[in-house]
N, C-alpha and C. Protein backbone atom coordinates (compact mmCIF):
# COMPACT_ATOMS: atom_id res chain seq x y z
N MET A 1 12.00 -29.04 -35.50
CA MET A 1 12.63 -28.03 -36.32
C MET A 1 11.69 -26.82 -36.41
N PRO A 2 12.21 -25.62 -36.11
CA PRO A 2 11.34 -24.44 -36.14
C PRO A 2 10.93 -24.09 -37.56
N SER A 3 9.74 -23.51 -37.67
CA SER A 3 9.27 -23.10 -38.98
C SER A 3 10.09 -21.91 -39.46
N SER A 4 9.97 -21.61 -40.75
CA SER A 4 10.76 -20.51 -41.30
C SER A 4 10.37 -19.18 -40.69
N SER A 5 9.09 -19.01 -40.35
CA SER A 5 8.68 -17.75 -39.73
C SER A 5 9.22 -17.66 -38.29
N ASP A 6 9.27 -18.80 -37.58
CA ASP A 6 9.85 -18.81 -36.23
C ASP A 6 11.34 -18.49 -36.29
N ARG A 7 12.03 -19.09 -37.26
CA ARG A 7 13.47 -18.85 -37.43
C ARG A 7 13.71 -17.38 -37.79
N ALA A 8 12.89 -16.83 -38.65
CA ALA A 8 13.03 -15.43 -39.03
C ALA A 8 12.81 -14.53 -37.81
N GLN A 9 11.85 -14.86 -36.96
CA GLN A 9 11.61 -14.05 -35.77
C GLN A 9 12.79 -14.15 -34.81
N GLN A 10 13.37 -15.35 -34.66
CA GLN A 10 14.55 -15.51 -33.81
C GLN A 10 15.70 -14.64 -34.33
N LEU A 11 15.87 -14.62 -35.63
CA LEU A 11 16.94 -13.81 -36.23
C LEU A 11 16.67 -12.32 -36.03
N ARG A 12 15.41 -11.91 -36.15
CA ARG A 12 15.06 -10.50 -35.90
C ARG A 12 15.36 -10.13 -34.45
N ASP A 13 15.00 -11.02 -33.53
CA ASP A 13 15.28 -10.77 -32.11
C ASP A 13 16.79 -10.67 -31.86
N GLN A 14 17.53 -11.59 -32.47
CA GLN A 14 18.99 -11.58 -32.32
C GLN A 14 19.56 -10.28 -32.88
N ARG A 15 19.10 -9.88 -34.04
CA ARG A 15 19.55 -8.64 -34.67
C ARG A 15 19.25 -7.44 -33.77
N ASP A 16 18.04 -7.40 -33.21
CA ASP A 16 17.66 -6.28 -32.35
C ASP A 16 18.49 -6.23 -31.07
N GLU A 17 18.80 -7.41 -30.50
CA GLU A 17 19.66 -7.45 -29.32
C GLU A 17 21.06 -6.92 -29.64
N LEU A 18 21.59 -7.30 -30.79
CA LEU A 18 22.92 -6.82 -31.19
C LEU A 18 22.91 -5.31 -31.42
N LYS A 19 21.85 -4.80 -32.02
CA LYS A 19 21.74 -3.35 -32.22
C LYS A 19 21.72 -2.63 -30.87
N ALA A 20 20.99 -3.19 -29.91
CA ALA A 20 20.92 -2.58 -28.58
C ALA A 20 22.29 -2.58 -27.91
N GLU A 21 23.04 -3.66 -28.06
CA GLU A 21 24.39 -3.73 -27.50
C GLU A 21 25.32 -2.74 -28.19
N LEU A 22 25.16 -2.59 -29.49
CA LEU A 22 25.99 -1.63 -30.22
C LEU A 22 25.72 -0.20 -29.74
N ALA A 23 24.50 0.08 -29.36
CA ALA A 23 24.17 1.41 -28.86
C ALA A 23 24.86 1.71 -27.53
N LYS A 24 25.30 0.68 -26.83
CA LYS A 24 25.96 0.85 -25.53
C LYS A 24 27.48 0.95 -25.64
N VAL A 25 28.01 0.90 -26.84
CA VAL A 25 29.47 0.93 -27.01
C VAL A 25 30.01 2.26 -26.51
N ARG A 26 31.08 2.16 -25.72
CA ARG A 26 31.73 3.35 -25.16
C ARG A 26 32.91 3.75 -26.05
N ASP A 27 33.76 4.64 -25.54
CA ASP A 27 34.93 5.08 -26.30
C ASP A 27 35.78 3.88 -26.68
N LEU A 28 36.25 3.90 -27.90
CA LEU A 28 37.03 2.76 -28.39
C LEU A 28 38.16 3.25 -29.28
N ARG A 29 39.15 2.41 -29.41
CA ARG A 29 40.25 2.71 -30.33
C ARG A 29 40.87 1.41 -30.80
N PRO A 30 41.23 1.37 -32.09
CA PRO A 30 41.91 0.19 -32.62
C PRO A 30 43.40 0.26 -32.33
N GLY A 31 44.05 -0.87 -32.40
CA GLY A 31 45.49 -0.88 -32.29
C GLY A 31 45.99 -1.88 -31.26
N SER A 32 47.31 -1.88 -31.11
CA SER A 32 47.97 -2.75 -30.15
C SER A 32 48.82 -1.89 -29.23
N LEU A 33 48.73 -2.17 -27.95
CA LEU A 33 49.51 -1.44 -26.97
C LEU A 33 50.80 -2.23 -26.73
N VAL A 34 51.92 -1.53 -26.85
CA VAL A 34 53.22 -2.19 -26.76
C VAL A 34 54.04 -1.54 -25.65
N GLU A 35 54.62 -2.37 -24.80
CA GLU A 35 55.52 -1.92 -23.74
C GLU A 35 56.94 -2.00 -24.28
N ARG A 36 57.67 -0.87 -24.20
CA ARG A 36 59.02 -0.84 -24.77
C ARG A 36 60.05 -0.42 -23.72
N TYR A 37 61.21 -1.01 -23.87
CA TYR A 37 62.38 -0.63 -23.08
C TYR A 37 63.47 -0.28 -24.09
N ARG A 38 64.22 0.77 -23.81
CA ARG A 38 65.23 1.18 -24.78
C ARG A 38 66.52 1.56 -24.07
N ARG A 39 67.55 1.54 -24.85
CA ARG A 39 68.86 1.99 -24.38
C ARG A 39 69.13 3.32 -25.05
N CYS A 40 69.55 4.31 -24.25
CA CYS A 40 69.66 5.67 -24.76
C CYS A 40 70.93 5.89 -25.59
N GLY A 41 71.97 5.11 -25.37
CA GLY A 41 73.19 5.26 -26.16
C GLY A 41 74.26 6.10 -25.50
N LYS A 42 73.99 6.70 -24.35
CA LYS A 42 75.01 7.48 -23.63
C LYS A 42 75.97 6.52 -22.95
N PRO A 43 77.26 6.71 -23.16
CA PRO A 43 78.23 5.74 -22.63
C PRO A 43 78.27 5.67 -21.10
N ASN A 44 77.93 6.73 -20.39
CA ASN A 44 78.00 6.72 -18.93
C ASN A 44 76.68 6.35 -18.26
N CYS A 45 75.63 6.06 -19.04
CA CYS A 45 74.32 5.73 -18.49
C CYS A 45 74.29 4.29 -17.99
N HIS A 46 73.46 4.04 -17.00
CA HIS A 46 73.33 2.67 -16.46
C HIS A 46 72.87 1.68 -17.52
N CYS A 47 72.18 2.14 -18.54
CA CYS A 47 71.68 1.22 -19.57
C CYS A 47 72.80 0.74 -20.49
N ALA A 48 73.95 1.44 -20.48
CA ALA A 48 75.06 1.05 -21.35
C ALA A 48 75.83 -0.14 -20.78
N ASP A 49 75.71 -0.36 -19.49
CA ASP A 49 76.41 -1.48 -18.87
C ASP A 49 75.84 -2.79 -19.39
N GLU A 50 76.73 -3.73 -19.58
CA GLU A 50 76.28 -5.05 -20.01
C GLU A 50 75.43 -5.66 -18.90
N GLY A 51 74.23 -6.04 -19.22
CA GLY A 51 73.31 -6.59 -18.22
C GLY A 51 72.56 -5.51 -17.47
N GLY A 52 72.82 -4.25 -17.79
CA GLY A 52 72.12 -3.15 -17.13
C GLY A 52 70.70 -3.04 -17.65
N ASP A 53 69.85 -2.50 -16.81
CA ASP A 53 68.44 -2.34 -17.18
C ASP A 53 68.29 -1.20 -18.19
N ALA A 54 67.45 -1.41 -19.16
CA ALA A 54 67.15 -0.38 -20.15
C ALA A 54 66.14 0.60 -19.56
N HIS A 55 65.96 1.73 -20.21
CA HIS A 55 64.98 2.72 -19.78
C HIS A 55 63.58 2.23 -20.14
N GLY A 56 62.66 2.51 -19.27
CA GLY A 56 61.29 2.14 -19.59
C GLY A 56 60.55 1.67 -18.38
N PRO A 57 59.37 1.23 -18.52
CA PRO A 57 58.73 1.05 -19.83
C PRO A 57 58.17 2.36 -20.38
N SER A 58 58.17 2.44 -21.68
CA SER A 58 57.40 3.47 -22.36
C SER A 58 56.35 2.72 -23.16
N TRP A 59 55.20 3.34 -23.35
CA TRP A 59 54.07 2.67 -23.98
C TRP A 59 53.75 3.34 -25.30
N SER A 60 53.44 2.52 -26.28
CA SER A 60 53.03 3.07 -27.57
C SER A 60 51.88 2.25 -28.14
N LEU A 61 51.05 2.94 -28.86
CA LEU A 61 49.91 2.32 -29.53
C LEU A 61 50.23 2.29 -31.01
N THR A 62 50.19 1.12 -31.61
CA THR A 62 50.42 1.01 -33.05
C THR A 62 49.12 0.59 -33.72
N ARG A 63 48.87 1.19 -34.86
CA ARG A 63 47.67 0.85 -35.63
C ARG A 63 47.92 1.22 -37.09
N GLU A 64 47.08 0.70 -37.95
CA GLU A 64 47.21 0.98 -39.38
C GLU A 64 46.26 2.11 -39.76
N VAL A 65 46.81 3.08 -40.48
CA VAL A 65 46.02 4.20 -40.99
C VAL A 65 46.41 4.40 -42.45
N GLY A 66 45.47 4.20 -43.33
CA GLY A 66 45.73 4.39 -44.76
C GLY A 66 46.84 3.50 -45.29
N GLY A 67 46.92 2.29 -44.79
CA GLY A 67 47.91 1.34 -45.28
C GLY A 67 49.29 1.50 -44.64
N LYS A 68 49.44 2.42 -43.71
CA LYS A 68 50.72 2.63 -43.05
C LYS A 68 50.56 2.44 -41.54
N THR A 69 51.62 1.97 -40.90
CA THR A 69 51.59 1.80 -39.46
C THR A 69 51.89 3.13 -38.79
N VAL A 70 51.03 3.51 -37.86
CA VAL A 70 51.18 4.76 -37.13
C VAL A 70 51.38 4.39 -35.66
N THR A 71 52.36 5.04 -35.02
CA THR A 71 52.65 4.80 -33.62
C THR A 71 52.37 6.07 -32.83
N THR A 72 51.66 5.92 -31.73
CA THR A 72 51.34 7.03 -30.84
C THR A 72 51.87 6.69 -29.46
N VAL A 73 52.61 7.62 -28.84
CA VAL A 73 53.11 7.40 -27.49
C VAL A 73 51.95 7.58 -26.51
N ILE A 74 51.83 6.64 -25.59
CA ILE A 74 50.77 6.66 -24.58
C ILE A 74 51.41 6.92 -23.22
N PRO A 75 50.98 7.96 -22.52
CA PRO A 75 51.54 8.22 -21.19
C PRO A 75 51.21 7.06 -20.25
N SER A 76 52.11 6.80 -19.30
CA SER A 76 51.91 5.68 -18.35
C SER A 76 50.58 5.80 -17.62
N ALA A 77 50.17 7.01 -17.32
CA ALA A 77 48.91 7.22 -16.59
C ALA A 77 47.69 6.81 -17.42
N ALA A 78 47.82 6.75 -18.73
CA ALA A 78 46.69 6.44 -19.61
C ALA A 78 46.70 5.00 -20.13
N VAL A 79 47.61 4.19 -19.64
CA VAL A 79 47.74 2.82 -20.15
C VAL A 79 46.47 2.01 -19.88
N GLU A 80 45.96 2.07 -18.65
CA GLU A 80 44.77 1.27 -18.32
C GLU A 80 43.56 1.72 -19.13
N LEU A 81 43.37 3.02 -19.28
CA LEU A 81 42.28 3.54 -20.09
C LEU A 81 42.42 3.09 -21.54
N THR A 82 43.64 3.12 -22.06
CA THR A 82 43.88 2.68 -23.44
C THR A 82 43.56 1.20 -23.60
N ARG A 83 43.91 0.40 -22.61
CA ARG A 83 43.57 -1.04 -22.65
C ARG A 83 42.05 -1.23 -22.72
N GLN A 84 41.33 -0.45 -21.93
CA GLN A 84 39.87 -0.55 -21.94
C GLN A 84 39.31 -0.14 -23.30
N GLN A 85 39.86 0.90 -23.90
CA GLN A 85 39.40 1.36 -25.21
C GLN A 85 39.68 0.32 -26.29
N ILE A 86 40.82 -0.33 -26.21
CA ILE A 86 41.15 -1.39 -27.18
C ILE A 86 40.20 -2.57 -27.00
N ALA A 87 39.92 -2.93 -25.74
CA ALA A 87 38.98 -4.03 -25.48
C ALA A 87 37.58 -3.67 -26.00
N GLU A 88 37.18 -2.41 -25.84
CA GLU A 88 35.87 -1.98 -26.33
C GLU A 88 35.82 -2.03 -27.85
N TYR A 89 36.93 -1.72 -28.51
CA TYR A 89 37.00 -1.82 -29.97
C TYR A 89 36.82 -3.27 -30.41
N LYS A 90 37.46 -4.19 -29.70
CA LYS A 90 37.33 -5.61 -30.04
C LYS A 90 35.89 -6.08 -29.83
N ARG A 91 35.25 -5.59 -28.76
CA ARG A 91 33.85 -5.93 -28.51
C ARG A 91 32.96 -5.37 -29.61
N PHE A 92 33.24 -4.14 -30.03
CA PHE A 92 32.49 -3.52 -31.12
C PHE A 92 32.61 -4.35 -32.40
N ARG A 93 33.82 -4.77 -32.72
CA ARG A 93 34.03 -5.56 -33.93
C ARG A 93 33.27 -6.88 -33.88
N ALA A 94 33.26 -7.53 -32.71
CA ALA A 94 32.53 -8.79 -32.56
C ALA A 94 31.02 -8.57 -32.70
N LEU A 95 30.51 -7.49 -32.10
CA LEU A 95 29.09 -7.18 -32.21
C LEU A 95 28.71 -6.87 -33.66
N ALA A 96 29.53 -6.08 -34.33
CA ALA A 96 29.24 -5.73 -35.73
C ALA A 96 29.26 -6.97 -36.61
N LYS A 97 30.21 -7.86 -36.37
CA LYS A 97 30.27 -9.11 -37.15
C LYS A 97 29.02 -9.95 -36.90
N GLY A 98 28.60 -10.05 -35.65
CA GLY A 98 27.39 -10.80 -35.33
C GLY A 98 26.15 -10.20 -35.97
N LEU A 99 26.09 -8.85 -35.98
CA LEU A 99 24.95 -8.17 -36.60
C LEU A 99 24.89 -8.45 -38.10
N VAL A 100 26.03 -8.40 -38.76
CA VAL A 100 26.06 -8.68 -40.20
C VAL A 100 25.64 -10.13 -40.47
N GLU A 101 26.14 -11.05 -39.67
CA GLU A 101 25.79 -12.47 -39.86
C GLU A 101 24.30 -12.70 -39.63
N ALA A 102 23.75 -12.14 -38.57
CA ALA A 102 22.33 -12.32 -38.28
C ALA A 102 21.48 -11.69 -39.38
N SER A 103 21.87 -10.52 -39.83
CA SER A 103 21.12 -9.83 -40.88
C SER A 103 21.17 -10.61 -42.19
N GLU A 104 22.34 -11.14 -42.49
CA GLU A 104 22.48 -11.93 -43.72
C GLU A 104 21.61 -13.18 -43.66
N GLN A 105 21.60 -13.86 -42.52
CA GLN A 105 20.76 -15.05 -42.36
C GLN A 105 19.28 -14.69 -42.46
N LEU A 106 18.92 -13.54 -41.90
CA LEU A 106 17.54 -13.08 -41.97
C LEU A 106 17.15 -12.80 -43.43
N CYS A 107 18.04 -12.16 -44.16
CA CYS A 107 17.77 -11.89 -45.58
C CYS A 107 17.61 -13.19 -46.36
N ASP A 108 18.46 -14.18 -46.06
CA ASP A 108 18.35 -15.48 -46.72
C ASP A 108 17.03 -16.16 -46.37
N ALA A 109 16.63 -16.06 -45.10
CA ALA A 109 15.37 -16.67 -44.67
C ALA A 109 14.19 -16.01 -45.37
N GLN A 110 14.27 -14.71 -45.58
CA GLN A 110 13.20 -14.00 -46.27
C GLN A 110 13.14 -14.37 -47.74
N LEU A 111 14.28 -14.67 -48.33
CA LEU A 111 14.29 -15.12 -49.73
C LEU A 111 13.67 -16.50 -49.87
N GLU A 112 13.91 -17.34 -48.87
CA GLU A 112 13.38 -18.70 -48.91
C GLU A 112 11.88 -18.73 -48.68
N ALA A 113 11.37 -17.73 -47.97
CA ALA A 113 9.94 -17.71 -47.65
C ALA A 113 9.35 -16.35 -48.00
N PRO A 114 9.21 -16.04 -49.29
CA PRO A 114 8.67 -14.74 -49.65
C PRO A 114 7.21 -14.56 -49.21
N GLU A 115 6.49 -15.66 -49.09
CA GLU A 115 5.11 -15.53 -48.66
C GLU A 115 5.05 -15.09 -47.21
N ALA A 116 6.02 -15.45 -46.41
CA ALA A 116 6.05 -15.01 -45.01
C ALA A 116 6.29 -13.50 -44.96
N ALA A 117 7.12 -13.00 -45.83
CA ALA A 117 7.39 -11.56 -45.86
C ALA A 117 6.13 -10.80 -46.28
N SER A 118 5.39 -11.35 -47.25
CA SER A 118 4.18 -10.65 -47.68
C SER A 118 3.11 -10.72 -46.60
N GLN A 119 3.04 -11.81 -45.83
CA GLN A 119 2.11 -11.91 -44.72
C GLN A 119 2.47 -10.90 -43.63
N GLU A 120 3.76 -10.73 -43.40
CA GLU A 120 4.20 -9.76 -42.39
C GLU A 120 3.82 -8.35 -42.83
N ALA A 121 3.98 -8.06 -44.10
CA ALA A 121 3.61 -6.74 -44.62
C ALA A 121 2.10 -6.53 -44.47
N ALA A 122 1.31 -7.58 -44.67
CA ALA A 122 -0.14 -7.47 -44.53
C ALA A 122 -0.51 -7.20 -43.07
N LYS A 123 0.22 -7.81 -42.13
CA LYS A 123 -0.03 -7.56 -40.71
C LYS A 123 0.24 -6.11 -40.35
N LYS A 124 1.22 -5.51 -41.00
CA LYS A 124 1.57 -4.13 -40.71
C LYS A 124 0.63 -3.14 -41.37
N GLY A 125 -0.35 -3.65 -42.11
CA GLY A 125 -1.36 -2.78 -42.71
C GLY A 125 -1.07 -2.39 -44.14
N ALA A 126 -0.19 -3.10 -44.76
CA ALA A 126 0.11 -2.80 -46.15
C ALA A 126 -1.06 -3.21 -47.03
N SER A 127 -1.31 -2.46 -48.02
CA SER A 127 -2.40 -2.74 -48.93
C SER A 127 -1.95 -3.77 -49.96
N LYS A 128 -2.83 -4.68 -50.31
CA LYS A 128 -2.51 -5.67 -51.33
C LYS A 128 -2.75 -5.10 -52.72
N ARG A 129 -3.58 -4.06 -52.79
CA ARG A 129 -3.87 -3.45 -54.08
C ARG A 129 -2.79 -2.45 -54.42
N ARG A 130 -2.45 -2.44 -55.65
CA ARG A 130 -1.46 -1.47 -56.10
C ARG A 130 -2.19 -0.27 -56.66
N SER A 131 -1.63 0.88 -56.42
CA SER A 131 -2.24 2.08 -56.97
C SER A 131 -1.86 2.20 -58.44
N LYS A 132 -2.71 2.86 -59.18
CA LYS A 132 -2.43 3.05 -60.60
C LYS A 132 -1.37 4.12 -60.76
N PRO A 133 -0.44 3.90 -61.65
CA PRO A 133 0.57 4.93 -61.87
C PRO A 133 -0.07 6.16 -62.49
N ARG A 134 0.34 7.29 -62.02
CA ARG A 134 -0.19 8.52 -62.56
C ARG A 134 0.74 9.00 -63.65
N SER A 135 0.11 9.49 -64.69
CA SER A 135 0.96 10.00 -65.77
C SER A 135 1.46 11.37 -65.37
N SER A 136 2.61 11.72 -65.88
CA SER A 136 3.17 13.01 -65.53
C SER A 136 2.38 14.09 -66.25
N PRO A 137 2.26 15.23 -65.62
CA PRO A 137 1.49 16.30 -66.26
C PRO A 137 2.24 16.81 -67.49
N LYS A 138 1.61 16.65 -68.63
CA LYS A 138 2.21 17.10 -69.90
C LYS A 138 1.22 18.02 -70.58
N SER A 139 1.78 18.89 -71.30
CA SER A 139 0.87 19.76 -72.06
C SER A 139 0.33 18.96 -73.24
N ARG A 140 -0.91 19.12 -73.48
CA ARG A 140 -1.53 18.38 -74.57
C ARG A 140 -1.84 19.36 -75.70
N ARG A 141 -1.55 18.91 -76.87
CA ARG A 141 -1.87 19.74 -78.03
C ARG A 141 -3.23 19.32 -78.58
N SER A 142 -4.00 20.26 -78.94
CA SER A 142 -5.32 19.95 -79.47
C SER A 142 -5.29 19.88 -80.96
C-alpha cells in the first residue's frame, strides 16, 4: 500500500496530466445533432404521396440555454465539423470531471496528512517562523 505522500504525489501527477490535456481542447459545442425529414404540406409534392419520401435530411443542433431548448439549423456541409465539436465537448466534460475528482482526492489526502503538507512547504523554502504582526500606523497622542 502506497504511503500518503506517494498517493498525494500520484494525485498531483494525475491532476497535472489532466490540466495538460485540458489545454489541448479544441473548438467545442454542447448539444445533440439531429437528422430530420419533413413533409412540406403541398398537395402536389412527392412527399404528399402515401409512402413517398419526405424532404431531407436537414440537420439541427439542439441544446439548453437558460433553461430553454434552442435549436440551430446546421448546413449539410458542416455536419461532420459539428460532430467533431460535440465529441470535443464530451471529451472536455470528461476531463473536467476527472480533474475535479483528482483535486478533491488530493485535498482529502492533504487533510489526512497535514504534516506531509507542512514538510512539502518546508521543501519549497517556506519559513517555519512566523513574522510578528505589525501594528497599523496610528497617530499617538502624548
